[in-house]
Amino acid sequence: MSEEIKNEEQMNIDETNPTDESLKTEETKEENVDNKIPYDRFKAKVDEANALKEKLAKIEKAQEEAKRKELEQQNEYKTLYEQAQEQLAQFKADALNAKKDALLINAGYTTEQIEVLRNTVTGETDEEIAQSIEKLTQVISPKKNYIDPTPLGGGDGKPSQKDGKELGQSLFERLKAKGKIK
């Protein structure tokens, strides 16, 4: 009977005085919860920001449309025509720059070189641009893509592995050239 009383007292003591380990786990759980932003709150803020962006885009479009209608009402088609011509010129310039970039990439230039050399390429048609790039490559060669032979250069410096068929063919050709196989 005394053992039962001792066990009951021990259980009561354990319940009223939690161990240090149980306190530590509760504290870390609270810290983790406090440091995290609730997903619902974050999603609400992102949705709100996206809604504001859409609203701003609609307002800007409406203002542009109102300005265009106002100019039409004032019979200022000349201004509208000039605006359309400016936009068309910008689109053409962007397309020409994209074409130049693509041809410079094909010639082997890096993106840093392309940024510098884009304005030196002249011409409006594909042939003129190609000729200009050909002249440019004679003066300024593209950056070579090679392996640095230094020990920590970044590449392994080893030739690529050949498969069994290639090895067999090259061995046969060497033996035939030496006259060991007829």
N, C-alpha and C. Protein backbone atom coordinates (compact mmCIF):
# COMPACT_ATOMS: atom_id res chain seq x y z
N MET A 1 0.81 -1.18 0.00
CA MET A 1 0.00 0.00 0.00
C MET A 1 0.86 1.26 0.00
N SER A 2 1.93 1.26 0.69
CA SER A 2 2.82 2.41 0.71
C SER A 2 3.43 2.67 -0.67
N GLU A 3 3.63 1.61 -1.43
CA GLU A 3 4.15 1.77 -2.78
C GLU A 3 3.14 2.48 -3.66
N GLU A 4 1.86 2.16 -3.49
CA GLU A 4 0.82 2.79 -4.29
C GLU A 4 0.73 4.28 -3.97
N ILE A 5 0.87 4.64 -2.72
CA ILE A 5 0.82 6.04 -2.31
C ILE A 5 2.01 6.79 -2.90
N LYS A 6 3.17 6.15 -2.88
CA LYS A 6 4.35 6.79 -3.44
C LYS A 6 4.20 7.01 -4.94
N ASN A 7 3.65 6.01 -5.64
CA ASN A 7 3.44 6.15 -7.09
C ASN A 7 2.45 7.26 -7.40
N GLU A 8 1.37 7.36 -6.64
CA GLU A 8 0.38 8.41 -6.84
C GLU A 8 0.98 9.78 -6.57
N GLU A 9 1.79 9.89 -5.50
CA GLU A 9 2.45 11.16 -5.19
C GLU A 9 3.41 11.54 -6.31
N GLN A 10 4.14 10.55 -6.85
CA GLN A 10 5.09 10.81 -7.93
C GLN A 10 4.34 11.33 -9.17
N MET A 11 3.19 10.74 -9.50
CA MET A 11 2.40 11.18 -10.64
C MET A 11 1.88 12.58 -10.44
N ASN A 12 1.43 12.90 -9.21
CA ASN A 12 0.94 14.24 -8.92
C ASN A 12 2.07 15.26 -9.04
N ILE A 13 3.24 14.90 -8.60
CA ILE A 13 4.39 15.81 -8.69
C ILE A 13 4.75 16.05 -10.15
N ASP A 14 4.74 14.97 -10.97
CA ASP A 14 5.06 15.10 -12.39
C ASP A 14 4.07 16.00 -13.11
N GLU A 15 2.79 15.91 -12.76
CA GLU A 15 1.78 16.71 -13.43
C GLU A 15 1.90 18.18 -13.06
N THR A 16 2.20 18.47 -11.80
CA THR A 16 2.26 19.86 -11.36
C THR A 16 3.59 20.51 -11.70
N ASN A 17 4.66 19.76 -11.73
CA ASN A 17 5.99 20.30 -12.05
C ASN A 17 6.50 19.66 -13.35
N PRO A 18 6.21 20.26 -14.47
CA PRO A 18 6.67 19.67 -15.73
C PRO A 18 8.19 19.74 -15.82
N THR A 19 8.76 18.81 -16.52
CA THR A 19 10.22 18.77 -16.66
C THR A 19 10.69 19.87 -17.58
N ASP A 20 11.99 20.11 -17.55
CA ASP A 20 12.58 21.14 -18.41
C ASP A 20 12.39 20.81 -19.88
N GLU A 21 12.44 19.53 -20.23
CA GLU A 21 12.32 19.13 -21.63
C GLU A 21 10.95 19.48 -22.20
N SER A 22 9.90 19.25 -21.41
CA SER A 22 8.55 19.54 -21.91
C SER A 22 8.37 21.05 -22.07
N LEU A 23 8.96 21.85 -21.20
CA LEU A 23 8.88 23.30 -21.33
C LEU A 23 9.60 23.78 -22.58
N LYS A 24 10.75 23.19 -22.89
CA LYS A 24 11.53 23.61 -24.05
C LYS A 24 10.76 23.35 -25.35
N THR A 25 10.08 22.24 -25.46
CA THR A 25 9.35 21.93 -26.70
C THR A 25 8.19 22.90 -26.87
N GLU A 26 7.52 23.28 -25.80
CA GLU A 26 6.42 24.23 -25.90
C GLU A 26 6.93 25.60 -26.34
N GLU A 27 8.07 26.03 -25.81
CA GLU A 27 8.64 27.32 -26.17
C GLU A 27 9.04 27.36 -27.63
N THR A 28 9.68 26.31 -28.13
CA THR A 28 10.10 26.31 -29.53
C THR A 28 8.91 26.30 -30.46
N LYS A 29 7.82 25.61 -30.08
CA LYS A 29 6.63 25.63 -30.92
C LYS A 29 6.07 27.04 -31.02
N GLU A 30 6.05 27.76 -29.89
CA GLU A 30 5.54 29.13 -29.90
C GLU A 30 6.43 30.04 -30.73
N GLU A 31 7.75 29.87 -30.65
CA GLU A 31 8.67 30.70 -31.42
C GLU A 31 8.47 30.48 -32.91
N ASN A 32 8.32 29.23 -33.32
CA ASN A 32 8.13 28.93 -34.73
C ASN A 32 6.84 29.55 -35.25
N VAL A 33 5.80 29.53 -34.47
CA VAL A 33 4.52 30.08 -34.89
C VAL A 33 4.62 31.60 -35.00
N ASP A 34 5.31 32.24 -34.08
CA ASP A 34 5.42 33.69 -34.09
C ASP A 34 6.22 34.19 -35.28
N ASN A 35 7.21 33.46 -35.73
CA ASN A 35 8.08 33.92 -36.81
C ASN A 35 7.47 33.75 -38.19
N LYS A 36 6.47 32.92 -38.34
CA LYS A 36 5.89 32.65 -39.65
C LYS A 36 4.73 33.60 -39.91
N ILE A 37 4.60 33.99 -41.19
CA ILE A 37 3.47 34.80 -41.61
C ILE A 37 2.38 33.85 -42.06
N PRO A 38 1.18 34.02 -41.58
CA PRO A 38 0.10 33.12 -42.00
C PRO A 38 -0.12 33.21 -43.50
N TYR A 39 -0.31 32.07 -44.13
CA TYR A 39 -0.46 32.01 -45.58
C TYR A 39 -1.69 32.79 -46.03
N ASP A 40 -2.77 32.70 -45.26
CA ASP A 40 -3.99 33.40 -45.66
C ASP A 40 -3.77 34.90 -45.69
N ARG A 41 -3.05 35.42 -44.72
CA ARG A 41 -2.77 36.85 -44.67
C ARG A 41 -1.87 37.27 -45.82
N PHE A 42 -0.85 36.46 -46.09
CA PHE A 42 0.07 36.74 -47.19
C PHE A 42 -0.68 36.70 -48.53
N LYS A 43 -1.53 35.70 -48.72
CA LYS A 43 -2.29 35.56 -49.96
C LYS A 43 -3.22 36.75 -50.12
N ALA A 44 -3.83 37.19 -49.05
CA ALA A 44 -4.74 38.33 -49.12
C ALA A 44 -3.99 39.59 -49.56
N LYS A 45 -2.79 39.79 -49.03
CA LYS A 45 -2.01 40.97 -49.41
C LYS A 45 -1.58 40.89 -50.88
N VAL A 46 -1.17 39.70 -51.32
CA VAL A 46 -0.77 39.53 -52.72
C VAL A 46 -1.96 39.76 -53.65
N ASP A 47 -3.12 39.21 -53.28
CA ASP A 47 -4.32 39.41 -54.09
C ASP A 47 -4.69 40.89 -54.13
N GLU A 48 -4.54 41.56 -53.00
CA GLU A 48 -4.84 42.99 -52.95
C GLU A 48 -3.91 43.77 -53.86
N ALA A 49 -2.62 43.44 -53.83
CA ALA A 49 -1.65 44.12 -54.69
C ALA A 49 -1.95 43.86 -56.17
N ASN A 50 -2.29 42.62 -56.51
CA ASN A 50 -2.63 42.30 -57.89
C ASN A 50 -3.89 43.04 -58.34
N ALA A 51 -4.87 43.15 -57.46
CA ALA A 51 -6.10 43.87 -57.78
C ALA A 51 -5.79 45.35 -58.03
N LEU A 52 -4.91 45.92 -57.22
CA LEU A 52 -4.55 47.32 -57.41
C LEU A 52 -3.81 47.53 -58.73
N LYS A 53 -2.95 46.58 -59.10
CA LYS A 53 -2.24 46.68 -60.38
C LYS A 53 -3.22 46.63 -61.54
N GLU A 54 -4.18 45.71 -61.46
CA GLU A 54 -5.18 45.62 -62.53
C GLU A 54 -6.01 46.89 -62.61
N LYS A 55 -6.36 47.43 -61.46
CA LYS A 55 -7.16 48.65 -61.43
C LYS A 55 -6.37 49.81 -62.03
N LEU A 56 -5.07 49.88 -61.71
CA LEU A 56 -4.23 50.93 -62.27
C LEU A 56 -4.12 50.80 -63.78
N ALA A 57 -3.97 49.58 -64.27
CA ALA A 57 -3.88 49.36 -65.71
C ALA A 57 -5.18 49.78 -66.39
N LYS A 58 -6.32 49.47 -65.79
CA LYS A 58 -7.61 49.86 -66.36
C LYS A 58 -7.74 51.38 -66.39
N ILE A 59 -7.32 52.04 -65.31
CA ILE A 59 -7.41 53.50 -65.25
C ILE A 59 -6.54 54.13 -66.31
N GLU A 60 -5.30 53.62 -66.46
CA GLU A 60 -4.40 54.17 -67.48
C GLU A 60 -4.96 53.96 -68.87
N LYS A 61 -5.54 52.80 -69.12
CA LYS A 61 -6.12 52.52 -70.43
C LYS A 61 -7.31 53.46 -70.68
N ALA A 62 -8.11 53.67 -69.66
CA ALA A 62 -9.26 54.56 -69.80
C ALA A 62 -8.81 55.99 -70.06
N GLN A 63 -7.74 56.44 -69.39
CA GLN A 63 -7.22 57.78 -69.62
C GLN A 63 -6.69 57.93 -71.04
N GLU A 64 -5.99 56.90 -71.53
CA GLU A 64 -5.48 56.92 -72.89
C GLU A 64 -6.63 57.00 -73.89
N GLU A 65 -7.65 56.20 -73.64
CA GLU A 65 -8.82 56.18 -74.53
C GLU A 65 -9.53 57.53 -74.49
N ALA A 66 -9.64 58.11 -73.31
CA ALA A 66 -10.30 59.43 -73.19
C ALA A 66 -9.49 60.49 -73.92
N LYS A 67 -8.17 60.42 -73.81
CA LYS A 67 -7.32 61.39 -74.50
C LYS A 67 -7.46 61.25 -76.01
N ARG A 68 -7.51 59.99 -76.49
CA ARG A 68 -7.65 59.75 -77.91
C ARG A 68 -9.00 60.28 -78.42
N LYS A 69 -10.07 60.03 -77.66
CA LYS A 69 -11.39 60.51 -78.06
C LYS A 69 -11.43 62.04 -78.05
N GLU A 70 -10.76 62.63 -77.08
CA GLU A 70 -10.73 64.09 -77.00
C GLU A 70 -10.03 64.67 -78.22
N LEU A 71 -8.92 64.05 -78.60
CA LEU A 71 -8.20 64.52 -79.77
C LEU A 71 -9.03 64.31 -81.04
N GLU A 72 -9.77 63.21 -81.11
CA GLU A 72 -10.63 62.97 -82.26
C GLU A 72 -11.72 64.04 -82.33
N GLN A 73 -12.26 64.38 -81.18
CA GLN A 73 -13.31 65.39 -81.15
C GLN A 73 -12.77 66.75 -81.58
N GLN A 74 -11.51 66.99 -81.29
CA GLN A 74 -10.91 68.27 -81.66
C GLN A 74 -10.36 68.23 -83.07
N ASN A 75 -10.60 67.11 -83.76
CA ASN A 75 -10.13 66.93 -85.14
C ASN A 75 -8.62 67.04 -85.25
N GLU A 76 -7.94 66.52 -84.27
CA GLU A 76 -6.48 66.52 -84.29
C GLU A 76 -5.98 65.13 -84.67
N TYR A 77 -6.35 64.72 -85.83
CA TYR A 77 -5.92 63.42 -86.31
C TYR A 77 -4.42 63.39 -86.57
N LYS A 78 -3.87 64.56 -86.83
CA LYS A 78 -2.43 64.64 -87.09
C LYS A 78 -1.65 64.17 -85.86
N THR A 79 -2.06 64.58 -84.69
CA THR A 79 -1.39 64.16 -83.46
C THR A 79 -1.52 62.65 -83.26
N LEU A 80 -2.71 62.12 -83.53
CA LEU A 80 -2.92 60.68 -83.42
C LEU A 80 -2.02 59.93 -84.41
N TYR A 81 -1.92 60.45 -85.61
CA TYR A 81 -1.08 59.83 -86.64
C TYR A 81 0.39 59.83 -86.20
N GLU A 82 0.84 60.95 -85.64
CA GLU A 82 2.23 61.03 -85.18
C GLU A 82 2.49 60.05 -84.05
N GLN A 83 1.54 59.91 -83.14
CA GLN A 83 1.71 58.96 -82.05
C GLN A 83 1.80 57.52 -82.59
N ALA A 84 0.95 57.21 -83.55
CA ALA A 84 0.97 55.87 -84.14
C ALA A 84 2.29 55.63 -84.88
N GLN A 85 2.81 56.66 -85.55
CA GLN A 85 4.08 56.52 -86.25
C GLN A 85 5.24 56.32 -85.28
N GLU A 86 5.20 57.01 -84.15
CA GLU A 86 6.24 56.83 -83.13
C GLU A 86 6.22 55.40 -82.58
N GLN A 87 5.04 54.89 -82.32
CA GLN A 87 4.92 53.51 -81.82
C GLN A 87 5.42 52.52 -82.86
N LEU A 88 5.07 52.74 -84.11
CA LEU A 88 5.51 51.86 -85.19
C LEU A 88 7.03 51.89 -85.32
N ALA A 89 7.63 53.07 -85.24
CA ALA A 89 9.08 53.19 -85.32
C ALA A 89 9.75 52.46 -84.16
N GLN A 90 9.16 52.56 -82.98
CA GLN A 90 9.71 51.87 -81.80
C GLN A 90 9.65 50.36 -81.99
N PHE A 91 8.53 49.85 -82.51
CA PHE A 91 8.40 48.41 -82.76
C PHE A 91 9.42 47.94 -83.79
N LYS A 92 9.61 48.72 -84.84
CA LYS A 92 10.59 48.35 -85.87
C LYS A 92 11.99 48.33 -85.30
N ALA A 93 12.33 49.31 -84.47
CA ALA A 93 13.66 49.37 -83.87
C ALA A 93 13.88 48.17 -82.95
N ASP A 94 12.87 47.82 -82.18
CA ASP A 94 12.97 46.65 -81.30
C ASP A 94 13.17 45.37 -82.11
N ALA A 95 12.43 45.23 -83.20
CA ALA A 95 12.56 44.04 -84.04
C ALA A 95 13.94 43.98 -84.68
N LEU A 96 14.45 45.12 -85.14
CA LEU A 96 15.77 45.17 -85.76
C LEU A 96 16.85 44.82 -84.74
N ASN A 97 16.73 45.33 -83.52
CA ASN A 97 17.70 45.00 -82.47
C ASN A 97 17.65 43.52 -82.13
N ALA A 98 16.47 42.94 -82.09
CA ALA A 98 16.33 41.51 -81.81
C ALA A 98 16.99 40.69 -82.91
N LYS A 99 16.81 41.12 -84.16
CA LYS A 99 17.42 40.41 -85.29
C LYS A 99 18.94 40.51 -85.21
N LYS A 100 19.45 41.70 -84.88
CA LYS A 100 20.90 41.88 -84.74
C LYS A 100 21.45 41.00 -83.62
N ASP A 101 20.73 40.97 -82.50
CA ASP A 101 21.17 40.14 -81.36
C ASP A 101 21.23 38.67 -81.75
N ALA A 102 20.21 38.20 -82.47
CA ALA A 102 20.19 36.79 -82.86
C ALA A 102 21.36 36.46 -83.79
N LEU A 103 21.64 37.34 -84.73
CA LEU A 103 22.75 37.09 -85.66
C LEU A 103 24.10 37.18 -84.95
N LEU A 104 24.22 38.07 -83.98
CA LEU A 104 25.47 38.16 -83.21
C LEU A 104 25.67 36.92 -82.34
N ILE A 105 24.60 36.40 -81.80
CA ILE A 105 24.70 35.16 -81.02
C ILE A 105 25.14 34.02 -81.92
N ASN A 106 24.57 33.95 -83.12
CA ASN A 106 24.96 32.91 -84.07
C ASN A 106 26.42 33.04 -84.48
N ALA A 107 26.95 34.27 -84.47
CA ALA A 107 28.34 34.49 -84.83
C ALA A 107 29.28 34.07 -83.69
N GLY A 108 28.75 33.87 -82.48
CA GLY A 108 29.55 33.38 -81.37
C GLY A 108 29.88 34.42 -80.32
N TYR A 109 29.26 35.57 -80.36
CA TYR A 109 29.53 36.60 -79.37
C TYR A 109 28.75 36.31 -78.08
N THR A 110 29.33 36.75 -76.95
CA THR A 110 28.66 36.59 -75.67
C THR A 110 27.68 37.74 -75.46
N THR A 111 26.83 37.63 -74.44
CA THR A 111 25.83 38.67 -74.19
C THR A 111 26.48 40.01 -73.84
N GLU A 112 27.61 39.97 -73.14
CA GLU A 112 28.30 41.22 -72.81
C GLU A 112 28.82 41.87 -74.08
N GLN A 113 29.37 41.08 -75.00
CA GLN A 113 29.87 41.63 -76.25
C GLN A 113 28.72 42.16 -77.11
N ILE A 114 27.59 41.47 -77.07
CA ILE A 114 26.44 41.89 -77.88
C ILE A 114 25.95 43.26 -77.44
N GLU A 115 25.91 43.51 -76.14
CA GLU A 115 25.45 44.80 -75.64
C GLU A 115 26.32 45.94 -76.18
N VAL A 116 27.62 45.68 -76.30
CA VAL A 116 28.54 46.71 -76.78
C VAL A 116 28.50 46.82 -78.30
N LEU A 117 28.42 45.70 -78.98
CA LEU A 117 28.56 45.68 -80.44
C LEU A 117 27.26 45.88 -81.20
N ARG A 118 26.13 45.87 -80.54
CA ARG A 118 24.84 45.99 -81.23
C ARG A 118 24.76 47.25 -82.07
N ASN A 119 25.26 48.35 -81.57
CA ASN A 119 25.15 49.62 -82.29
C ASN A 119 26.15 49.73 -83.44
N THR A 120 27.18 48.88 -83.45
CA THR A 120 28.15 48.94 -84.55
C THR A 120 27.67 48.18 -85.77
N VAL A 121 26.70 47.31 -85.59
CA VAL A 121 26.15 46.56 -86.73
C VAL A 121 25.17 47.47 -87.46
N THR A 122 25.39 47.60 -88.78
CA THR A 122 24.56 48.49 -89.58
C THR A 122 23.75 47.67 -90.57
N GLY A 123 22.75 48.30 -91.14
CA GLY A 123 21.93 47.67 -92.16
C GLY A 123 20.50 47.51 -91.70
N GLU A 124 19.62 47.41 -92.69
CA GLU A 124 18.20 47.25 -92.42
C GLU A 124 17.71 45.86 -92.81
N THR A 125 18.32 45.26 -93.84
CA THR A 125 17.88 43.95 -94.30
C THR A 125 18.79 42.87 -93.72
N ASP A 126 18.36 41.63 -93.87
CA ASP A 126 19.15 40.52 -93.35
C ASP A 126 20.53 40.44 -94.00
N GLU A 127 20.59 40.66 -95.30
CA GLU A 127 21.87 40.58 -96.02
C GLU A 127 22.83 41.67 -95.55
N GLU A 128 22.34 42.89 -95.41
CA GLU A 128 23.20 43.99 -94.96
C GLU A 128 23.72 43.74 -93.55
N ILE A 129 22.85 43.25 -92.68
CA ILE A 129 23.26 42.96 -91.31
C ILE A 129 24.29 41.84 -91.29
N ALA A 130 24.08 40.79 -92.11
CA ALA A 130 25.02 39.67 -92.16
C ALA A 130 26.39 40.13 -92.65
N GLN A 131 26.42 40.99 -93.67
CA GLN A 131 27.69 41.52 -94.17
C GLN A 131 28.38 42.36 -93.10
N SER A 132 27.62 43.16 -92.39
CA SER A 132 28.19 43.99 -91.33
C SER A 132 28.79 43.12 -90.22
N ILE A 133 28.10 42.06 -89.86
CA ILE A 133 28.60 41.16 -88.82
C ILE A 133 29.85 40.43 -89.29
N GLU A 134 29.88 40.06 -90.57
CA GLU A 134 31.06 39.39 -91.13
C GLU A 134 32.28 40.32 -91.05
N LYS A 135 32.11 41.58 -91.39
CA LYS A 135 33.20 42.55 -91.27
C LYS A 135 33.61 42.73 -89.81
N LEU A 136 32.63 42.73 -88.94
CA LEU A 136 32.90 42.91 -87.52
C LEU A 136 33.70 41.74 -86.95
N THR A 137 33.37 40.51 -87.37
CA THR A 137 34.10 39.35 -86.87
C THR A 137 35.55 39.34 -87.34
N GLN A 138 35.84 40.00 -88.47
CA GLN A 138 37.22 40.09 -88.94
C GLN A 138 38.03 41.05 -88.06
N VAL A 139 37.37 42.07 -87.55
CA VAL A 139 38.06 43.06 -86.73
C VAL A 139 38.06 42.64 -85.25
N ILE A 140 36.89 42.26 -84.75
CA ILE A 140 36.74 41.85 -83.35
C ILE A 140 36.24 40.42 -83.35
N SER A 141 37.11 39.50 -82.96
CA SER A 141 36.71 38.09 -82.98
C SER A 141 35.83 37.77 -81.78
N PRO A 142 34.92 36.82 -81.96
CA PRO A 142 34.06 36.41 -80.83
C PRO A 142 34.90 35.74 -79.74
N LYS A 143 34.39 35.76 -78.54
CA LYS A 143 35.08 35.14 -77.42
C LYS A 143 35.06 33.63 -77.61
N LYS A 144 36.21 33.01 -77.51
CA LYS A 144 36.32 31.57 -77.71
C LYS A 144 35.78 30.84 -76.49
N ASN A 145 35.18 29.73 -76.75
CA ASN A 145 34.66 28.89 -75.68
C ASN A 145 35.60 27.70 -75.53
N TYR A 146 36.53 27.79 -74.62
CA TYR A 146 37.51 26.74 -74.45
C TYR A 146 37.68 26.43 -72.97
N ILE A 147 38.39 25.33 -72.70
CA ILE A 147 38.63 24.90 -71.33
C ILE A 147 39.94 25.51 -70.86
N ASP A 148 39.94 26.05 -69.68
CA ASP A 148 41.15 26.60 -69.09
C ASP A 148 42.03 25.44 -68.64
N PRO A 149 43.28 25.35 -69.13
CA PRO A 149 44.12 24.20 -68.82
C PRO A 149 44.72 24.22 -67.42
N THR A 150 44.52 25.26 -66.67
CA THR A 150 45.07 25.32 -65.32
C THR A 150 44.38 24.30 -64.43
N PRO A 151 45.02 23.86 -63.36
CA PRO A 151 44.44 22.79 -62.52
C PRO A 151 43.04 23.10 -62.00
N LEU A 152 42.78 24.31 -61.62
CA LEU A 152 41.46 24.65 -61.09
C LEU A 152 40.67 25.49 -62.09
N GLY A 153 40.86 25.23 -63.38
CA GLY A 153 40.27 26.04 -64.43
C GLY A 153 38.81 25.80 -64.68
N GLY A 154 38.23 24.76 -64.17
CA GLY A 154 36.80 24.57 -64.34
C GLY A 154 36.43 23.43 -65.26
N GLY A 155 37.32 22.96 -66.11
CA GLY A 155 37.01 21.84 -66.99
C GLY A 155 37.92 20.68 -66.66
N ASP A 156 37.60 19.52 -67.17
CA ASP A 156 38.45 18.38 -66.86
C ASP A 156 39.62 18.27 -67.83
N GLY A 157 39.53 18.91 -69.01
CA GLY A 157 40.63 18.92 -69.96
C GLY A 157 40.86 17.58 -70.64
N LYS A 158 39.97 16.65 -70.48
CA LYS A 158 40.12 15.33 -71.08
C LYS A 158 39.26 15.26 -72.34
N PRO A 159 39.72 14.54 -73.34
CA PRO A 159 38.90 14.39 -74.54
C PRO A 159 37.66 13.55 -74.25
N SER A 160 36.65 13.68 -75.09
CA SER A 160 35.43 12.93 -74.87
C SER A 160 35.66 11.45 -75.15
N GLN A 161 34.89 10.62 -74.51
CA GLN A 161 35.04 9.18 -74.64
C GLN A 161 34.46 8.70 -75.97
N LYS A 162 35.16 7.74 -76.60
CA LYS A 162 34.67 7.16 -77.84
C LYS A 162 33.96 5.86 -77.50
N ASP A 163 32.98 5.52 -78.33
CA ASP A 163 32.30 4.25 -78.10
C ASP A 163 33.08 3.10 -78.74
N GLY A 164 32.66 1.88 -78.52
CA GLY A 164 33.38 0.70 -78.98
C GLY A 164 33.48 0.63 -80.50
N LYS A 165 32.46 1.08 -81.20
CA LYS A 165 32.46 1.02 -82.67
C LYS A 165 33.56 1.91 -83.23
N GLU A 166 33.66 3.15 -82.71
CA GLU A 166 34.69 4.07 -83.18
C GLU A 166 36.09 3.53 -82.88
N LEU A 167 36.28 2.97 -81.70
CA LEU A 167 37.59 2.41 -81.35
C LEU A 167 37.97 1.26 -82.28
N GLY A 168 36.99 0.40 -82.56
CA GLY A 168 37.25 -0.74 -83.44
C GLY A 168 37.61 -0.29 -84.85
N GLN A 169 36.89 0.72 -85.34
CA GLN A 169 37.17 1.21 -86.69
C GLN A 169 38.55 1.84 -86.77
N SER A 170 38.91 2.64 -85.79
CA SER A 170 40.22 3.29 -85.83
C SER A 170 41.35 2.26 -85.68
N LEU A 171 41.16 1.24 -84.85
CA LEU A 171 42.16 0.18 -84.70
C LEU A 171 42.33 -0.58 -86.00
N PHE A 172 41.23 -0.91 -86.66
CA PHE A 172 41.29 -1.63 -87.94
C PHE A 172 42.03 -0.80 -88.98
N GLU A 173 41.74 0.51 -89.05
CA GLU A 173 42.41 1.39 -90.02
C GLU A 173 43.91 1.45 -89.76
N ARG A 174 44.32 1.53 -88.51
CA ARG A 174 45.77 1.56 -88.19
C ARG A 174 46.45 0.27 -88.56
N LEU A 175 45.84 -0.88 -88.25
CA LEU A 175 46.44 -2.16 -88.60
C LEU A 175 46.50 -2.37 -90.11
N LYS A 176 45.50 -1.91 -90.81
CA LYS A 176 45.49 -2.01 -92.27
C LYS A 176 46.55 -1.13 -92.87
N ALA A 177 46.75 0.06 -92.30
CA ALA A 177 47.76 0.99 -92.82
C ALA A 177 49.17 0.43 -92.60
N LYS A 178 49.38 -0.31 -91.53
CA LYS A 178 50.70 -0.90 -91.25
C LYS A 178 50.94 -2.16 -92.07
N GLY A 179 49.89 -2.69 -92.69
CA GLY A 179 50.02 -3.87 -93.51
C GLY A 179 49.87 -5.17 -92.76
N LYS A 180 49.41 -5.12 -91.53
CA LYS A 180 49.23 -6.34 -90.74
C LYS A 180 47.94 -7.05 -91.07
N ILE A 181 46.98 -6.32 -91.67
CA ILE A 181 45.71 -6.88 -92.11
C ILE A 181 45.55 -6.54 -93.57
N LYS A 182 45.10 -7.55 -94.35
CA LYS A 182 44.90 -7.31 -95.78
C LYS A 182 43.45 -7.27 -96.12
